[in-house]
Amino acid sequence: MTARTTYTQPMTAPEPPADAEHRATVYQDGKDAYKAGTPALGNPHIPAPPGDLDDARAWRAGWHVERRRDEH
C-alpha cells in the first residue's frame, strides 16, 4: 500500500479591495474622521485639533473612553 500525497495550492494573501486607499476611518458616532479633523488613533497624517498638546493627546485617547462610556 502506497502513501497518498495531496497537493495543495500555496497560501497567498487575499487581494485588497480596489478602493482600500480611498476608504476613510469611521468612528462610532458615524462621523468621517477626515472631515472631523480627528487624528485616527494617533495617525500623524491626520492633524490634531488646534490647541494644547495635552488637549490633542486627550482628543486622540478619547475614542475608547467615549466608547466605554457609551457601552454602560
PDB file of N, CA and C in Angstrom:
ATOM      1  N   MET A   1       0.845  -1.179   0.000  1.00  0.00           N
ATOM      2  CA  MET A   1       0.000   0.000   0.000  1.00  0.00           C
ATOM      3  C   MET A   1       0.893   1.246   0.000  1.00  0.00           C
ATOM      4  N   THR A   2       0.651   2.122  -0.904  1.00  0.00           N
ATOM      5  CA  THR A   2       1.483   3.324  -1.005  1.00  0.00           C
ATOM      6  C   THR A   2       0.796   4.495  -0.311  1.00  0.00           C
ATOM      7  N   ALA A   3       1.608   5.387   0.206  1.00  0.00           N
ATOM      8  CA  ALA A   3       1.065   6.569   0.887  1.00  0.00           C
ATOM      9  C   ALA A   3       0.564   7.568  -0.152  1.00  0.00           C
ATOM     10  N   ARG A   4      -0.552   8.135   0.146  1.00  0.00           N
ATOM     11  CA  ARG A   4      -1.112   9.145  -0.749  1.00  0.00           C
ATOM     12  C   ARG A   4      -0.558  10.516  -0.398  1.00  0.00           C
ATOM     13  N   THR A   5      -0.240  11.257  -1.396  1.00  0.00           N
ATOM     14  CA  THR A   5       0.166  12.639  -1.166  1.00  0.00           C
ATOM     15  C   THR A   5      -0.851  13.542  -1.842  1.00  0.00           C
ATOM     16  N   THR A   6      -1.231  14.546  -1.122  1.00  0.00           N
ATOM     17  CA  THR A   6      -2.170  15.513  -1.698  1.00  0.00           C
ATOM     18  C   THR A   6      -1.426  16.820  -1.914  1.00  0.00           C
ATOM     19  N   TYR A   7      -1.686  17.412  -3.020  1.00  0.00           N
ATOM     20  CA  TYR A   7      -1.037  18.668  -3.348  1.00  0.00           C
ATOM     21  C   TYR A   7      -2.035  19.793  -3.123  1.00  0.00           C
ATOM     22  N   THR A   8      -1.579  20.803  -2.396  1.00  0.00           N
ATOM     23  CA  THR A   8      -2.441  21.958  -2.137  1.00  0.00           C
ATOM     24  C   THR A   8      -1.827  23.193  -2.773  1.00  0.00           C
ATOM     25  N   GLN A   9      -2.654  24.130  -3.035  1.00  0.00           N
ATOM     26  CA  GLN A   9      -2.177  25.395  -3.580  1.00  0.00           C
ATOM     27  C   GLN A   9      -1.414  26.150  -2.499  1.00  0.00           C
ATOM     28  N   PRO A  10      -0.366  26.870  -2.864  1.00  0.00           N
ATOM     29  CA  PRO A  10       0.334  27.676  -1.854  1.00  0.00           C
ATOM     30  C   PRO A  10      -0.581  28.777  -1.323  1.00  0.00           C
ATOM     31  N   MET A  11      -0.421  29.076  -0.042  1.00  0.00           N
ATOM     32  CA  MET A  11      -1.282  30.089   0.565  1.00  0.00           C
ATOM     33  C   MET A  11      -0.821  31.476   0.130  1.00  0.00           C
ATOM     34  N   THR A  12      -1.751  32.251  -0.330  1.00  0.00           N
ATOM     35  CA  THR A  12      -1.445  33.625  -0.733  1.00  0.00           C
ATOM     36  C   THR A  12      -2.374  34.563   0.015  1.00  0.00           C
ATOM     37  N   ALA A  13      -1.917  35.773   0.190  1.00  0.00           N
ATOM     38  CA  ALA A  13      -2.742  36.776   0.871  1.00  0.00           C
ATOM     39  C   ALA A  13      -3.889  37.186  -0.039  1.00  0.00           C
ATOM     40  N   PRO A  14      -5.052  37.466   0.525  1.00  0.00           N
ATOM     41  CA  PRO A  14      -6.174  37.903  -0.311  1.00  0.00           C
ATOM     42  C   PRO A  14      -5.891  39.276  -0.915  1.00  0.00           C
ATOM     43  N   GLU A  15      -6.441  39.500  -2.067  1.00  0.00           N
ATOM     44  CA  GLU A  15      -6.248  40.785  -2.727  1.00  0.00           C
ATOM     45  C   GLU A  15      -7.031  41.862  -1.976  1.00  0.00           C
ATOM     46  N   PRO A  16      -6.420  43.026  -1.749  1.00  0.00           N
ATOM     47  CA  PRO A  16      -7.173  44.104  -1.097  1.00  0.00           C
ATOM     48  C   PRO A  16      -8.234  44.642  -2.046  1.00  0.00           C
ATOM     49  N   PRO A  17      -9.308  45.175  -1.510  1.00  0.00           N
ATOM     50  CA  PRO A  17     -10.324  45.754  -2.390  1.00  0.00           C
ATOM     51  C   PRO A  17      -9.750  46.939  -3.168  1.00  0.00           C
ATOM     52  N   ALA A  18     -10.334  47.221  -4.310  1.00  0.00           N
ATOM     53  CA  ALA A  18      -9.784  48.240  -5.191  1.00  0.00           C
ATOM     54  C   ALA A  18      -9.827  49.628  -4.564  1.00  0.00           C
ATOM     55  N   ASP A  19     -10.795  49.881  -3.684  1.00  0.00           N
ATOM     56  CA  ASP A  19     -10.945  51.222  -3.112  1.00  0.00           C
ATOM     57  C   ASP A  19     -10.360  51.321  -1.707  1.00  0.00           C
ATOM     58  N   ALA A  20      -9.389  50.483  -1.371  1.00  0.00           N
ATOM     59  CA  ALA A  20      -8.879  50.447   0.002  1.00  0.00           C
ATOM     60  C   ALA A  20      -8.238  51.767   0.401  1.00  0.00           C
ATOM     61  N   GLU A  21      -7.535  52.413  -0.511  1.00  0.00           N
ATOM     62  CA  GLU A  21      -6.857  53.648  -0.142  1.00  0.00           C
ATOM     63  C   GLU A  21      -7.809  54.833  -0.038  1.00  0.00           C
ATOM     64  N   HIS A  22      -9.005  54.695  -0.583  1.00  0.00           N
ATOM     65  CA  HIS A  22      -9.959  55.803  -0.538  1.00  0.00           C
ATOM     66  C   HIS A  22     -10.905  55.703   0.649  1.00  0.00           C
ATOM     67  N   ARG A  23     -10.864  54.594   1.358  1.00  0.00           N
ATOM     68  CA  ARG A  23     -11.801  54.406   2.463  1.00  0.00           C
ATOM     69  C   ARG A  23     -11.330  55.200   3.675  1.00  0.00           C
ATOM     70  N   ALA A  24     -12.222  55.914   4.305  1.00  0.00           N
ATOM     71  CA  ALA A  24     -11.884  56.718   5.479  1.00  0.00           C
ATOM     72  C   ALA A  24     -12.212  55.944   6.745  1.00  0.00           C
ATOM     73  N   THR A  25     -11.566  56.335   7.820  1.00  0.00           N
ATOM     74  CA  THR A  25     -11.843  55.720   9.114  1.00  0.00           C
ATOM     75  C   THR A  25     -13.140  56.293   9.660  1.00  0.00           C
ATOM     76  N   VAL A  26     -14.060  55.427  10.037  1.00  0.00           N
ATOM     77  CA  VAL A  26     -15.350  55.873  10.557  1.00  0.00           C
ATOM     78  C   VAL A  26     -15.403  55.536  12.033  1.00  0.00           C
ATOM     79  N   TYR A  27     -15.782  56.502  12.833  1.00  0.00           N
ATOM     80  CA  TYR A  27     -15.857  56.301  14.265  1.00  0.00           C
ATOM     81  C   TYR A  27     -17.254  55.867  14.676  1.00  0.00           C
ATOM     82  N   GLN A  28     -17.411  55.553  15.965  1.00  0.00           N
ATOM     83  CA  GLN A  28     -18.672  55.010  16.449  1.00  0.00           C
ATOM     84  C   GLN A  28     -19.805  56.024  16.345  1.00  0.00           C
ATOM     85  N   ASP A  29     -19.482  57.324  16.289  1.00  0.00           N
ATOM     86  CA  ASP A  29     -20.544  58.314  16.163  1.00  0.00           C
ATOM     87  C   ASP A  29     -20.938  58.542  14.712  1.00  0.00           C
ATOM     88  N   GLY A  30     -20.294  57.844  13.797  1.00  0.00           N
ATOM     89  CA  GLY A  30     -20.665  57.932  12.397  1.00  0.00           C
ATOM     90  C   GLY A  30     -19.987  59.061  11.647  1.00  0.00           C
ATOM     91  N   LYS A  31     -19.204  59.891  12.320  1.00  0.00           N
ATOM     92  CA  LYS A  31     -18.545  60.996  11.632  1.00  0.00           C
ATOM     93  C   LYS A  31     -17.339  60.469  10.866  1.00  0.00           C
ATOM     94  N   ASP A  32     -17.091  61.090   9.743  1.00  0.00           N
ATOM     95  CA  ASP A  32     -15.912  60.744   8.969  1.00  0.00           C
ATOM     96  C   ASP A  32     -14.700  61.354   9.655  1.00  0.00           C
ATOM     97  N   ALA A  33     -13.675  60.557   9.889  1.00  0.00           N
ATOM     98  CA  ALA A  33     -12.509  61.028  10.641  1.00  0.00           C
ATOM     99  C   ALA A  33     -11.810  62.171   9.924  1.00  0.00           C
ATOM    100  N   TYR A  34     -11.762  62.127   8.606  1.00  0.00           N
ATOM    101  CA  TYR A  34     -11.057  63.168   7.880  1.00  0.00           C
ATOM    102  C   TYR A  34     -11.851  64.468   7.889  1.00  0.00           C
ATOM    103  N   LYS A  35     -13.160  64.387   7.790  1.00  0.00           N
ATOM    104  CA  LYS A  35     -13.978  65.597   7.809  1.00  0.00           C
ATOM    105  C   LYS A  35     -13.977  66.230   9.191  1.00  0.00           C
ATOM    106  N   ALA A  36     -13.944  65.405  10.224  1.00  0.00           N
ATOM    107  CA  ALA A  36     -13.967  65.931  11.584  1.00  0.00           C
ATOM    108  C   ALA A  36     -12.600  66.434  12.019  1.00  0.00           C
ATOM    109  N   GLY A  37     -11.539  66.131  11.258  1.00  0.00           N
ATOM    110  CA  GLY A  37     -10.204  66.532  11.657  1.00  0.00           C
ATOM    111  C   GLY A  37      -9.672  65.718  12.815  1.00  0.00           C
ATOM    112  N   THR A  38     -10.217  64.529  13.004  1.00  0.00           N
ATOM    113  CA  THR A  38      -9.847  63.702  14.147  1.00  0.00           C
ATOM    114  C   THR A  38      -8.617  62.881  13.815  1.00  0.00           C
ATOM    115  N   PRO A  39      -7.592  62.893  14.662  1.00  0.00           N
ATOM    116  CA  PRO A  39      -6.466  62.005  14.428  1.00  0.00           C
ATOM    117  C   PRO A  39      -6.902  60.555  14.597  1.00  0.00           C
ATOM    118  N   ALA A  40      -6.760  59.766  13.557  1.00  0.00           N
ATOM    119  CA  ALA A  40      -7.238  58.384  13.605  1.00  0.00           C
ATOM    120  C   ALA A  40      -6.278  57.556  14.438  1.00  0.00           C
ATOM    121  N   LEU A  41      -6.599  57.382  15.685  1.00  0.00           N
ATOM    122  CA  LEU A  41      -5.827  56.564  16.616  1.00  0.00           C
ATOM    123  C   LEU A  41      -4.353  56.955  16.629  1.00  0.00           C
ATOM    124  N   GLY A  42      -4.098  58.251  16.654  1.00  0.00           N
ATOM    125  CA  GLY A  42      -2.728  58.718  16.718  1.00  0.00           C
ATOM    126  C   GLY A  42      -2.030  58.765  15.375  1.00  0.00           C
ATOM    127  N   ASN A  43      -2.768  58.723  14.288  1.00  0.00           N
ATOM    128  CA  ASN A  43      -2.171  58.788  12.962  1.00  0.00           C
ATOM    129  C   ASN A  43      -1.607  60.191  12.747  1.00  0.00           C
ATOM    130  N   PRO A  44      -0.297  60.326  12.537  1.00  0.00           N
ATOM    131  CA  PRO A  44       0.271  61.669  12.399  1.00  0.00           C
ATOM    132  C   PRO A  44      -0.117  62.364  11.109  1.00  0.00           C
ATOM    133  N   HIS A  45      -0.669  61.653  10.138  1.00  0.00           N
ATOM    134  CA  HIS A  45      -1.048  62.265   8.879  1.00  0.00           C
ATOM    135  C   HIS A  45      -2.377  62.983   8.969  1.00  0.00           C
ATOM    136  N   ILE A  46      -3.127  62.720  10.009  1.00  0.00           N
ATOM    137  CA  ILE A  46      -4.390  63.422  10.213  1.00  0.00           C
ATOM    138  C   ILE A  46      -4.142  64.432  11.322  1.00  0.00           C
ATOM    139  N   PRO A  47      -4.325  65.708  11.072  1.00  0.00           N
ATOM    140  CA  PRO A  47      -3.922  66.712  12.051  1.00  0.00           C
ATOM    141  C   PRO A  47      -4.760  66.664  13.312  1.00  0.00           C
ATOM    142  N   ALA A  48      -4.108  66.992  14.417  1.00  0.00           N
ATOM    143  CA  ALA A  48      -4.800  67.091  15.696  1.00  0.00           C
ATOM    144  C   ALA A  48      -5.549  68.415  15.747  1.00  0.00           C
ATOM    145  N   PRO A  49      -6.547  68.527  16.600  1.00  0.00           N
ATOM    146  CA  PRO A  49      -7.239  69.807  16.727  1.00  0.00           C
ATOM    147  C   PRO A  49      -6.283  70.868  17.256  1.00  0.00           C
ATOM    148  N   PRO A  50      -6.509  72.129  16.908  1.00  0.00           N
ATOM    149  CA  PRO A  50      -5.596  73.170  17.370  1.00  0.00           C
ATOM    150  C   PRO A  50      -5.656  73.334  18.877  1.00  0.00           C
ATOM    151  N   GLY A  51      -4.527  73.735  19.462  1.00  0.00           N
ATOM    152  CA  GLY A  51      -4.513  73.981  20.894  1.00  0.00           C
ATOM    153  C   GLY A  51      -3.367  73.277  21.585  1.00  0.00           C
ATOM    154  N   ASP A  52      -3.568  73.027  22.848  1.00  0.00           N
ATOM    155  CA  ASP A  52      -2.545  72.460  23.711  1.00  0.00           C
ATOM    156  C   ASP A  52      -2.221  71.022  23.307  1.00  0.00           C
ATOM    157  N   LEU A  53      -0.974  70.619  23.538  1.00  0.00           N
ATOM    158  CA  LEU A  53      -0.568  69.246  23.237  1.00  0.00           C
ATOM    159  C   LEU A  53      -1.325  68.251  24.108  1.00  0.00           C
ATOM    160  N   ASP A  54      -1.586  68.610  25.366  1.00  0.00           N
ATOM    161  CA  ASP A  54      -2.355  67.723  26.233  1.00  0.00           C
ATOM    162  C   ASP A  54      -3.780  67.564  25.728  1.00  0.00           C
ATOM    163  N   ASP A  55      -4.347  68.638  25.178  1.00  0.00           N
ATOM    164  CA  ASP A  55      -5.683  68.540  24.594  1.00  0.00           C
ATOM    165  C   ASP A  55      -5.672  67.601  23.394  1.00  0.00           C
ATOM    166  N   ALA A  56      -4.612  67.677  22.589  1.00  0.00           N
ATOM    167  CA  ALA A  56      -4.518  66.795  21.426  1.00  0.00           C
ATOM    168  C   ALA A  56      -4.383  65.344  21.867  1.00  0.00           C
ATOM    169  N   ARG A  57      -3.600  65.098  22.926  1.00  0.00           N
ATOM    170  CA  ARG A  57      -3.473  63.731  23.423  1.00  0.00           C
ATOM    171  C   ARG A  57      -4.789  63.231  23.989  1.00  0.00           C
ATOM    172  N   ALA A  58      -5.502  64.080  24.697  1.00  0.00           N
ATOM    173  CA  ALA A  58      -6.800  63.682  25.232  1.00  0.00           C
ATOM    174  C   ALA A  58      -7.788  63.424  24.099  1.00  0.00           C
ATOM    175  N   TRP A  59      -7.711  64.225  23.041  1.00  0.00           N
ATOM    176  CA  TRP A  59      -8.580  64.040  21.874  1.00  0.00           C
ATOM    177  C   TRP A  59      -8.277  62.695  21.215  1.00  0.00           C
ATOM    178  N   ARG A  60      -6.969  62.379  21.082  1.00  0.00           N
ATOM    179  CA  ARG A  60      -6.591  61.100  20.485  1.00  0.00           C
ATOM    180  C   ARG A  60      -7.044  59.932  21.340  1.00  0.00           C
ATOM    181  N   ALA A  61      -6.933  60.072  22.651  1.00  0.00           N
ATOM    182  CA  ALA A  61      -7.270  58.966  23.541  1.00  0.00           C
ATOM    183  C   ALA A  61      -8.764  58.869  23.786  1.00  0.00           C
ATOM    184  N   GLY A  62      -9.525  59.879  23.404  1.00  0.00           N
ATOM    185  CA  GLY A  62     -10.940  59.928  23.755  1.00  0.00           C
ATOM    186  C   GLY A  62     -11.812  58.916  23.055  1.00  0.00           C
ATOM    187  N   TRP A  63     -11.351  58.337  21.932  1.00  0.00           N
ATOM    188  CA  TRP A  63     -12.243  57.434  21.188  1.00  0.00           C
ATOM    189  C   TRP A  63     -12.607  56.218  22.014  1.00  0.00           C
ATOM    190  N   HIS A  64     -11.676  55.649  22.774  1.00  0.00           N
ATOM    191  CA  HIS A  64     -12.024  54.459  23.545  1.00  0.00           C
ATOM    192  C   HIS A  64     -12.706  54.839  24.847  1.00  0.00           C
ATOM    193  N   VAL A  65     -12.432  56.029  25.367  1.00  0.00           N
ATOM    194  CA  VAL A  65     -13.119  56.477  26.583  1.00  0.00           C
ATOM    195  C   VAL A  65     -14.595  56.680  26.279  1.00  0.00           C
ATOM    196  N   GLU A  66     -14.890  57.311  25.139  1.00  0.00           N
ATOM    197  CA  GLU A  66     -16.285  57.542  24.774  1.00  0.00           C
ATOM    198  C   GLU A  66     -16.999  56.224  24.501  1.00  0.00           C
ATOM    199  N   ARG A  67     -16.314  55.292  23.847  1.00  0.00           N
ATOM    200  CA  ARG A  67     -16.940  54.005  23.558  1.00  0.00           C
ATOM    201  C   ARG A  67     -17.252  53.273  24.856  1.00  0.00           C
ATOM    202  N   ARG A  68     -16.309  53.315  25.799  1.00  0.00           N
ATOM    203  CA  ARG A  68     -16.525  52.645  27.075  1.00  0.00           C
ATOM    204  C   ARG A  68     -17.695  53.292  27.827  1.00  0.00           C
ATOM    205  N   ARG A  69     -17.783  54.614  27.753  1.00  0.00           N
ATOM    206  CA  ARG A  69     -18.867  55.308  28.430  1.00  0.00           C
ATOM    207  C   ARG A  69     -20.213  54.990  27.768  1.00  0.00           C
ATOM    208  N   ASP A  70     -20.223  54.878  26.434  1.00  0.00           N
ATOM    209  CA  ASP A  70     -21.474  54.606  25.729  1.00  0.00           C
ATOM    210  C   ASP A  70     -21.970  53.187  25.955  1.00  0.00           C
ATOM    211  N   GLU A  71     -21.067  52.249  26.239  1.00  0.00           N
ATOM    212  CA  GLU A  71     -21.490  50.858  26.429  1.00  0.00           C
ATOM    213  C   GLU A  71     -22.193  50.639  27.751  1.00  0.00           C
ATOM    214  N   HIS A  72     -21.961  51.528  28.726  1.00  0.00           N
ATOM    215  CA  HIS A  72     -22.581  51.332  30.038  1.00  0.00           C
ATOM    216  C   HIS A  72     -23.961  51.943  30.100  1.00  0.00           C
TER     217      HIS A  72
END
